[in-house]
């Protein structure tokens, strides 16, 4: 009995990987119920067991074939849309060669990749899956979302745009596939699951004179193998729809450690059309920095330990928060070796929606607002709840 149960569970697991149900498979492949009754009509167990084992073996083989066909079909449909990028970057005092991935956005020759792949490029060579090459120019870059658009002349090229999926209904455990060019190995496909959601990814915009950090919300985490060169490639679901752009990994060796970060498709769908049209995307900004309020912080501040929200740590000069009168946190030396902390406002809601973490706040502003929009913030100041109206400025 234990063996039969284990075999049945393995079959069900493979069905889930194939994206189909046991009922669907039974309708297409299994004999009629009357035939099953004849086949498995109770007799002596010694007679039934060999028949059952043989049937389950056949089912396993058929389901595995379905899984393989599914993966092969996804690869054959999506890989022609994924390109290899060879980039020469100019840093003023030297030039550096690099590589990455991208994917065809439309038949006009627009290709999507990461900003960090092409930001300082003086020469970009695009290689398609059939070996065709073309020179590309930068149309627009957006460091805040780490997305960029480059363009090739479409004449003489076979351009197959991707299909964008719904990243806002992705769930942990969903089967996903990454296609890109790790280490320059074009057309590489890896498979895994969505291992976490609602991560935030900090990206840097660095130059000779300054360095600015941006936080991208709603990041999808996956254990599908992602390595250097995958940046700008695609993460797709079991129907071959793009649910995100592979962007970064977390690793002590700069190679796959099972934690990859993907910019979700709903951000891509919002930013890319603006980059194509205007060459830039206007990001609304609150003009502040903050951290998620923890139990320890709540205790130190003397407020209800059940309070959830964002503690304002810094107010950006001349930003929206300063103009609205929000207060940040600061430290001051009150005696040698002794520091006093004055805590700032705690944001608990935005436009009536609860803010439980800094990621919630960034996600709301990033996805639901625009420059010039007035946002109503519910805050706690010295334990007293207040409402502050803030007009978003461009970041």
Protein backbone atom coordinates (compact mmCIF):
# COMPACT_ATOMS: atom_id res chain seq x y z
CA UNK A 1 0.00 0.00 0.00
CA UNK A 2 2.80 2.41 0.82
CA UNK A 3 4.45 1.74 -2.50
CA UNK A 4 1.25 2.32 -4.45
CA UNK A 5 0.62 5.57 -2.58
CA UNK A 6 4.14 6.81 -3.31
CA UNK A 7 3.81 6.02 -7.01
CA UNK A 8 0.44 7.78 -7.19
CA UNK A 9 1.82 10.87 -5.44
CA UNK A 10 4.73 11.02 -7.87
CA UNK A 11 2.33 10.88 -10.79
CA UNK A 12 0.23 13.71 -9.33
CA UNK A 13 3.36 15.81 -8.80
CA UNK A 14 4.40 15.39 -12.40
CA UNK A 15 0.91 16.35 -13.53
CA UNK A 16 1.27 19.63 -11.63
CA UNK A 17 4.62 20.27 -13.29
CA UNK A 18 3.00 19.69 -16.66
CA UNK A 19 0.35 22.29 -15.91
CA UNK A 20 -2.55 19.85 -16.31
CA UNK A 21 -4.84 18.05 -13.91
CA UNK A 22 -5.41 14.39 -13.27
CA UNK A 23 -8.98 14.82 -14.51
CA UNK A 24 -7.79 16.34 -17.80
CA UNK A 25 -5.32 13.52 -18.31
CA UNK A 26 -7.88 10.87 -17.42
CA UNK A 27 -10.34 12.28 -19.94
CA UNK A 28 -7.76 12.06 -22.74
CA UNK A 29 -5.75 8.98 -21.93
CA UNK A 30 -7.51 6.59 -19.54
CA UNK A 31 -10.01 3.92 -20.67
CA UNK A 32 -13.70 4.15 -19.86
CA UNK A 33 -14.70 3.41 -16.27
CA UNK A 34 -16.40 0.18 -17.30
CA UNK A 35 -13.14 -1.03 -18.81
CA UNK A 36 -11.27 -0.08 -15.64
CA UNK A 37 -13.75 -2.06 -13.59
CA UNK A 38 -13.12 -5.08 -15.75
CA UNK A 39 -9.37 -4.60 -15.53
CA UNK A 40 -9.27 -4.08 -11.78
CA UNK A 41 -12.19 -6.26 -10.73
CA UNK A 42 -11.21 -7.54 -7.32
CA UNK A 43 -9.64 -10.99 -7.43
CA UNK A 44 -6.69 -12.25 -5.58
CA UNK A 45 -4.18 -9.46 -4.83
CA UNK A 46 -1.42 -11.44 -6.52
CA UNK A 47 -3.31 -11.10 -9.80
CA UNK A 48 -4.28 -7.42 -9.41
CA UNK A 49 -0.90 -6.03 -8.31
CA UNK A 50 1.07 -6.77 -11.53
CA UNK A 51 -1.66 -5.19 -13.65
CA UNK A 52 -1.76 -2.11 -11.42
CA UNK A 53 2.02 -1.74 -11.46
CA UNK A 54 2.15 -2.03 -15.24
CA UNK A 55 -0.63 0.54 -15.68
CA UNK A 56 1.04 3.02 -13.32
CA UNK A 57 4.34 2.53 -15.13
CA UNK A 58 2.68 3.35 -18.44
CA UNK A 59 1.01 6.41 -16.91
CA UNK A 60 4.33 7.65 -15.51
CA UNK A 61 5.99 7.35 -18.89
CA UNK A 62 3.12 9.16 -20.63
CA UNK A 63 3.07 12.00 -18.09
CA UNK A 64 6.84 12.47 -18.27
CA UNK A 65 6.50 12.70 -22.04
CA UNK A 66 3.86 15.42 -21.60
CA UNK A 67 6.18 17.35 -19.26
CA UNK A 68 9.07 17.14 -21.72
CA UNK A 69 6.86 18.24 -24.59
CA UNK A 70 5.62 21.18 -22.51
CA UNK A 71 9.14 22.39 -21.73
CA UNK A 72 10.26 21.89 -25.32
CA UNK A 73 7.26 23.81 -26.62
CA UNK A 74 7.93 26.72 -24.25
CA UNK A 75 11.56 26.85 -25.31
CA UNK A 76 10.75 26.68 -29.02
CA UNK A 77 8.18 29.45 -28.71
CA UNK A 78 10.11 31.82 -26.42
CA UNK A 79 13.78 31.38 -27.31
CA UNK A 80 13.45 33.11 -30.73
CA UNK A 81 12.42 36.24 -28.80
CA UNK A 82 15.49 36.22 -26.53
CA UNK A 83 18.69 37.87 -27.75
CA UNK A 84 22.34 38.02 -26.74
CA UNK A 85 23.89 41.45 -26.19
CA UNK A 86 27.57 42.21 -26.64
CA UNK A 87 28.29 45.62 -25.15
CA UNK A 88 31.27 47.97 -25.17
CA UNK A 89 30.98 50.48 -22.34
CA UNK A 90 32.83 53.78 -22.00
CA UNK A 91 33.76 54.90 -18.48
CA UNK A 92 35.76 57.95 -19.57
CA UNK A 93 39.20 56.62 -18.69
CA UNK A 94 38.72 53.15 -20.19
CA UNK A 95 36.39 50.94 -22.21
CA UNK A 96 35.07 47.62 -20.99
CA UNK A 97 33.40 44.78 -22.88
CA UNK A 98 30.40 43.02 -21.36
CA UNK A 99 27.44 40.91 -22.27
CA UNK A 100 23.87 40.32 -21.26
CA UNK A 101 20.46 39.31 -22.50
CA UNK A 102 17.37 41.01 -23.85
CA UNK A 103 14.09 40.18 -25.54
CA UNK A 104 12.08 41.44 -28.50
CA UNK A 105 9.30 43.79 -27.44
CA UNK A 106 7.69 44.56 -30.80
CA UNK A 107 8.12 44.19 -34.55
CA UNK A 108 9.50 47.73 -34.80
CA UNK A 109 12.84 46.54 -33.46
CA UNK A 110 12.52 47.56 -29.80
CA UNK A 111 14.35 45.25 -27.41
CA UNK A 112 14.08 45.26 -23.61
CA UNK A 113 17.02 44.68 -21.29
CA UNK A 114 18.40 45.96 -17.97
CA UNK A 115 19.77 49.46 -17.57
CA UNK A 116 22.89 48.07 -15.90
CA UNK A 117 23.62 46.06 -19.06
CA UNK A 118 23.66 49.00 -21.49
CA UNK A 119 23.78 52.24 -19.46
CA UNK A 120 27.28 53.34 -20.55
CA UNK A 121 27.37 51.52 -23.88
CA UNK A 122 29.03 53.06 -26.93
CA UNK A 123 28.46 49.96 -29.04
CA UNK A 124 25.77 47.25 -28.74
CA UNK A 125 25.69 44.14 -30.93
CA UNK A 126 22.48 42.09 -30.81
CA UNK A 127 22.63 38.42 -31.77
CA UNK A 128 19.33 36.65 -32.42
CA UNK A 129 18.65 32.96 -31.86
CA UNK A 130 19.14 32.18 -35.57
CA UNK A 131 22.62 33.74 -35.49
CA UNK A 132 21.63 37.00 -37.20
CA UNK A 133 23.37 40.09 -35.77
CA UNK A 134 22.46 43.77 -35.74
CA UNK A 135 23.73 46.99 -34.18
CA UNK A 136 21.43 48.63 -31.65
CA UNK A 137 21.04 52.14 -30.27
CA UNK A 138 19.78 53.12 -26.83
CA UNK A 139 16.24 54.54 -26.86
CA UNK A 140 15.75 55.03 -23.14
CA UNK A 141 16.99 53.89 -19.76
CA UNK A 142 15.36 53.95 -16.34
CA UNK A 143 17.78 53.34 -13.45
CA UNK A 144 14.95 53.37 -10.90
CA UNK A 145 13.47 50.18 -12.36
CA UNK A 146 16.70 48.91 -13.98
CA UNK A 147 14.91 48.66 -17.32
CA UNK A 148 16.10 49.90 -20.69
CA UNK A 149 15.01 49.87 -24.32
CA UNK A 150 17.39 49.54 -27.27
CA UNK A 151 16.43 49.42 -30.94
CA UNK A 152 17.62 47.65 -34.07
CA UNK A 153 16.53 48.40 -37.63
CA UNK A 154 13.79 45.84 -38.29
CA UNK A 155 14.41 45.50 -42.02
CA UNK A 156 15.59 42.02 -42.94
CA UNK A 157 15.11 40.66 -39.42
CA UNK A 158 12.62 38.11 -38.13
CA UNK A 159 11.33 39.71 -34.96
CA UNK A 160 9.16 37.63 -32.63
CA UNK A 161 7.81 39.70 -29.71
CA UNK A 162 7.19 38.06 -26.36
CA UNK A 163 3.79 37.73 -24.72
CA UNK A 164 3.58 39.59 -21.39
CA UNK A 165 1.82 37.70 -18.60
CA UNK A 166 0.11 38.66 -15.34
CA UNK A 167 2.80 38.94 -12.67
CA UNK A 168 0.37 40.18 -10.02
CA UNK A 169 -1.23 36.76 -9.70
CA UNK A 170 2.00 34.79 -9.46
CA UNK A 171 2.19 32.56 -6.38
CA UNK A 172 5.02 31.02 -4.42
CA UNK A 173 5.50 27.51 -5.77
CA UNK A 174 4.58 28.38 -9.35
CA UNK A 175 6.76 26.61 -11.90
CA UNK A 176 8.89 29.08 -13.89
CA UNK A 177 11.51 28.98 -16.62
CA UNK A 178 14.39 31.39 -17.27
CA UNK A 179 15.87 31.84 -20.74
CA UNK A 180 18.95 33.95 -21.36
CA UNK A 181 22.66 33.91 -22.05
CA UNK A 182 24.58 33.06 -18.86
CA UNK A 183 28.33 33.40 -19.39
CA UNK A 184 27.56 34.08 -23.06
CA UNK A 185 25.99 30.65 -23.57
CA UNK A 186 23.12 31.77 -25.77
CA UNK A 187 19.70 30.16 -25.59
CA UNK A 188 20.16 28.63 -22.15
CA UNK A 189 16.99 27.48 -20.38
CA UNK A 190 16.75 26.73 -16.65
CA UNK A 191 13.75 25.72 -14.57
CA UNK A 192 12.64 26.26 -11.00
CA UNK A 193 9.85 27.72 -8.92
CA UNK A 194 8.85 31.10 -7.57
CA UNK A 195 10.50 30.91 -4.16
CA UNK A 196 9.30 34.22 -2.69
CA UNK A 197 7.35 37.34 -3.60
CA UNK A 198 7.26 41.02 -2.66
CA UNK A 199 11.00 41.35 -2.29
CA UNK A 200 12.63 44.74 -2.82
CA UNK A 201 15.79 45.21 -4.86
CA UNK A 202 18.20 48.09 -4.34
CA UNK A 203 19.99 49.25 -7.48
CA UNK A 204 22.75 51.82 -7.84
CA UNK A 205 23.09 54.61 -10.37
CA UNK A 206 26.77 55.45 -10.15
CA UNK A 207 28.85 58.03 -11.94
CA UNK A 208 32.22 59.72 -11.44
CA UNK A 209 30.56 62.35 -9.25
CA UNK A 210 27.66 60.72 -7.43
CA UNK A 211 25.95 57.52 -6.42
CA UNK A 212 22.21 57.15 -5.98
CA UNK A 213 20.28 54.15 -4.65
CA UNK A 214 16.82 53.18 -5.87
CA UNK A 215 14.46 50.55 -4.54
CA UNK A 216 12.45 48.40 -6.96
CA UNK A 217 9.34 46.87 -5.33
CA UNK A 218 7.37 43.67 -5.99
CA UNK A 219 10.48 41.70 -6.97
CA UNK A 220 9.93 38.00 -7.75
CA UNK A 221 12.45 35.62 -6.20
CA UNK A 222 13.22 32.34 -7.97
CA UNK A 223 15.49 29.36 -7.57
CA UNK A 224 15.75 28.88 -11.35
CA UNK A 225 19.46 29.12 -12.13
CA UNK A 226 20.47 32.71 -12.99
CA UNK A 227 24.09 33.64 -13.65
CA UNK A 228 26.08 36.58 -15.05
CA UNK A 229 24.84 37.13 -18.59
CA UNK A 230 21.22 36.30 -17.73
CA UNK A 231 20.53 39.97 -16.93
CA UNK A 232 17.81 41.30 -19.22
CA UNK A 233 16.51 37.84 -20.07
CA UNK A 234 13.05 36.47 -19.37
CA UNK A 235 11.30 34.50 -16.68
CA UNK A 236 8.21 32.79 -18.09
CA UNK A 237 5.33 30.76 -16.69
CA UNK A 238 4.15 27.33 -17.89
CA UNK A 239 2.20 28.90 -20.75
CA UNK A 240 5.27 30.74 -22.04
CA UNK A 241 4.17 34.21 -20.93
CA UNK A 242 6.83 36.58 -19.61
CA UNK A 243 6.19 37.30 -15.93
CA UNK A 244 9.44 39.18 -15.37
CA UNK A 245 12.93 40.27 -16.40
CA UNK A 246 15.85 38.51 -14.75
CA UNK A 247 17.98 41.18 -13.11
CA UNK A 248 20.16 40.10 -10.20
CA UNK A 249 21.34 37.28 -7.97
CA UNK A 250 22.33 37.02 -4.34
CA UNK A 251 25.55 35.06 -4.08
CA UNK A 252 28.91 35.20 -2.37
CA UNK A 253 30.54 33.81 -5.52
CA UNK A 254 28.78 35.94 -8.17
CA UNK A 255 27.21 32.77 -9.57
CA UNK A 256 23.95 30.92 -9.02
CA UNK A 257 23.19 30.17 -5.39
CA UNK A 258 19.49 29.51 -5.87
CA UNK A 259 18.36 33.08 -5.16
CA UNK A 260 17.59 35.12 -8.25
CA UNK A 261 15.66 38.39 -8.48
CA UNK A 262 13.24 39.26 -11.27
CA UNK A 263 11.60 42.58 -12.15
CA UNK A 264 7.86 41.77 -12.43
CA UNK A 265 5.99 42.10 -15.71
CA UNK A 266 3.49 44.66 -14.39
CA UNK A 267 6.36 47.09 -13.80
CA UNK A 268 7.82 46.26 -17.21
CA UNK A 269 4.46 46.89 -18.89
CA UNK A 270 4.25 50.29 -17.23
CA UNK A 271 7.79 51.54 -17.81
CA UNK A 272 8.70 50.24 -21.27
CA UNK A 273 5.99 52.07 -23.32
CA UNK A 274 7.12 55.35 -21.71
CA UNK A 275 10.76 54.64 -22.54
CA UNK A 276 9.82 53.94 -26.15
CA UNK A 277 7.70 57.09 -26.39
CA UNK A 278 9.69 59.58 -24.32
CA UNK A 279 13.04 57.95 -23.60
CA UNK A 280 12.37 58.21 -19.86
CA UNK A 281 9.86 57.36 -17.17
CA UNK A 282 8.67 59.82 -14.53
CA UNK A 283 8.78 58.23 -11.11
CA UNK A 284 6.64 59.79 -8.37
CA UNK A 285 8.51 60.38 -5.14
CA UNK A 286 7.50 60.93 -1.53
CA UNK A 287 10.80 62.64 -0.84
CA UNK A 288 11.70 60.52 2.17
CA UNK A 289 13.52 57.43 3.33
CA UNK A 290 12.13 54.99 5.85
CA UNK A 291 12.29 51.57 7.45
CA UNK A 292 9.68 49.03 8.44
CA UNK A 293 8.52 49.57 12.02
CA UNK A 294 9.60 46.57 14.10
CA UNK A 295 8.48 45.40 17.53
CA UNK A 296 11.77 46.60 18.98
CA UNK A 297 11.38 50.07 17.44
CA UNK A 298 7.80 50.33 18.66
CA UNK A 299 8.96 49.51 22.19
CA UNK A 300 11.76 52.09 22.03
CA UNK A 301 9.32 54.71 20.77
CA UNK A 302 6.79 53.91 23.46
CA UNK A 303 3.91 53.21 21.08
CA UNK A 304 1.53 50.27 20.83
CA UNK A 305 3.58 47.17 20.04
CA UNK A 306 0.91 46.04 17.56
CA UNK A 307 1.47 49.15 15.41
CA UNK A 308 2.47 48.42 11.83
CA UNK A 309 3.90 51.00 9.47
CA UNK A 310 6.98 52.83 8.22
CA UNK A 311 9.22 54.93 10.41
CA UNK A 312 10.41 58.00 8.51
CA UNK A 313 14.18 58.13 8.90
CA UNK A 314 15.14 60.96 6.54
CA UNK A 315 13.40 63.84 4.80
CA UNK A 316 14.84 64.79 1.42
CA UNK A 317 15.56 68.49 1.13
CA UNK A 318 13.02 70.36 -1.03
CA UNK A 319 11.15 67.10 -1.57
CA UNK A 320 7.45 66.36 -1.30
CA UNK A 321 7.65 65.19 2.32
CA UNK A 322 9.44 68.34 3.47
CA UNK A 323 6.89 70.54 1.76
CA UNK A 324 4.08 68.58 3.42
CA UNK A 325 5.65 69.02 6.85
CA UNK A 326 6.56 65.41 7.58
CA UNK A 327 9.20 64.86 10.24
CA UNK A 328 12.17 62.50 10.03
CA UNK A 329 14.31 60.87 12.70
CA UNK A 330 17.63 62.26 13.90
CA UNK A 331 20.34 61.68 16.46
CA UNK A 332 22.15 64.13 18.66
CA UNK A 333 25.05 63.84 21.08
CA UNK A 334 23.86 64.71 24.58
CA UNK A 335 27.01 63.65 26.44
CA UNK A 336 30.35 62.05 25.61
CA UNK A 337 29.51 58.60 24.21
CA UNK A 338 25.78 59.12 24.68
CA UNK A 339 23.37 59.65 21.80
CA UNK A 340 19.73 60.70 21.98
CA UNK A 341 17.39 59.61 19.18
CA UNK A 342 14.36 61.62 18.18
CA UNK A 343 12.00 59.42 16.21
CA UNK A 344 10.13 60.76 13.22
CA UNK A 345 6.62 60.16 11.92
CA UNK A 346 5.26 56.66 11.44
CA UNK A 347 3.25 56.21 8.22
CA UNK A 348 0.46 53.69 8.81
CA UNK A 349 -1.71 54.17 5.69
CA UNK A 350 -1.65 55.74 2.23
CA UNK A 351 -4.94 56.85 0.69
CA UNK A 352 -6.72 54.68 3.23
CA UNK A 353 -4.72 51.53 2.45
CA UNK A 354 -2.80 49.99 5.31
CA UNK A 355 0.98 50.28 5.11
CA UNK A 356 2.55 47.37 7.01
CA UNK A 357 6.09 47.67 5.69
CA UNK A 358 8.42 49.92 3.74
CA UNK A 359 7.96 47.59 0.76
CA UNK A 360 4.18 48.20 0.91
CA UNK A 361 4.73 51.96 0.76
CA UNK A 362 7.24 51.82 -2.11
CA UNK A 363 5.02 49.41 -4.05
CA UNK A 364 1.95 51.63 -3.70
CA UNK A 365 3.75 54.77 -4.84
CA UNK A 366 5.56 52.95 -7.66
CA UNK A 367 2.50 51.18 -9.08
CA UNK A 368 -0.54 53.25 -8.15
CA UNK A 369 0.48 56.91 -8.35
CA UNK A 370 1.89 59.49 -10.72
CA UNK A 371 3.85 62.73 -10.47
CA UNK A 372 1.64 65.58 -9.28
CA UNK A 373 -0.87 63.31 -7.54
CA UNK A 374 -1.94 64.17 -4.01
CA UNK A 375 -1.55 61.27 -1.58
CA UNK A 376 -3.22 61.25 1.82
CA UNK A 377 -0.90 59.76 4.44
CA UNK A 378 -2.08 58.61 7.85
CA UNK A 379 0.74 59.11 10.35
CA UNK A 380 1.51 58.76 14.02
CA UNK A 381 3.39 61.70 15.51
CA UNK A 382 4.23 61.50 19.20
CA UNK A 383 1.56 58.81 19.52
CA UNK A 384 -1.16 60.98 17.97
CA UNK A 385 -2.76 60.04 14.64
CA UNK A 386 -2.77 62.73 11.96
CA UNK A 387 -3.54 63.01 8.25
CA UNK A 388 -1.07 64.72 5.93
CA UNK A 389 -1.72 65.47 2.27
CA UNK A 390 1.39 65.25 0.12
CA UNK A 391 1.86 66.17 -3.55
CA UNK A 392 4.20 63.69 -5.26
CA UNK A 393 7.18 65.11 -7.09
CA UNK A 394 9.36 63.53 -9.74
CA UNK A 395 12.16 61.45 -8.29
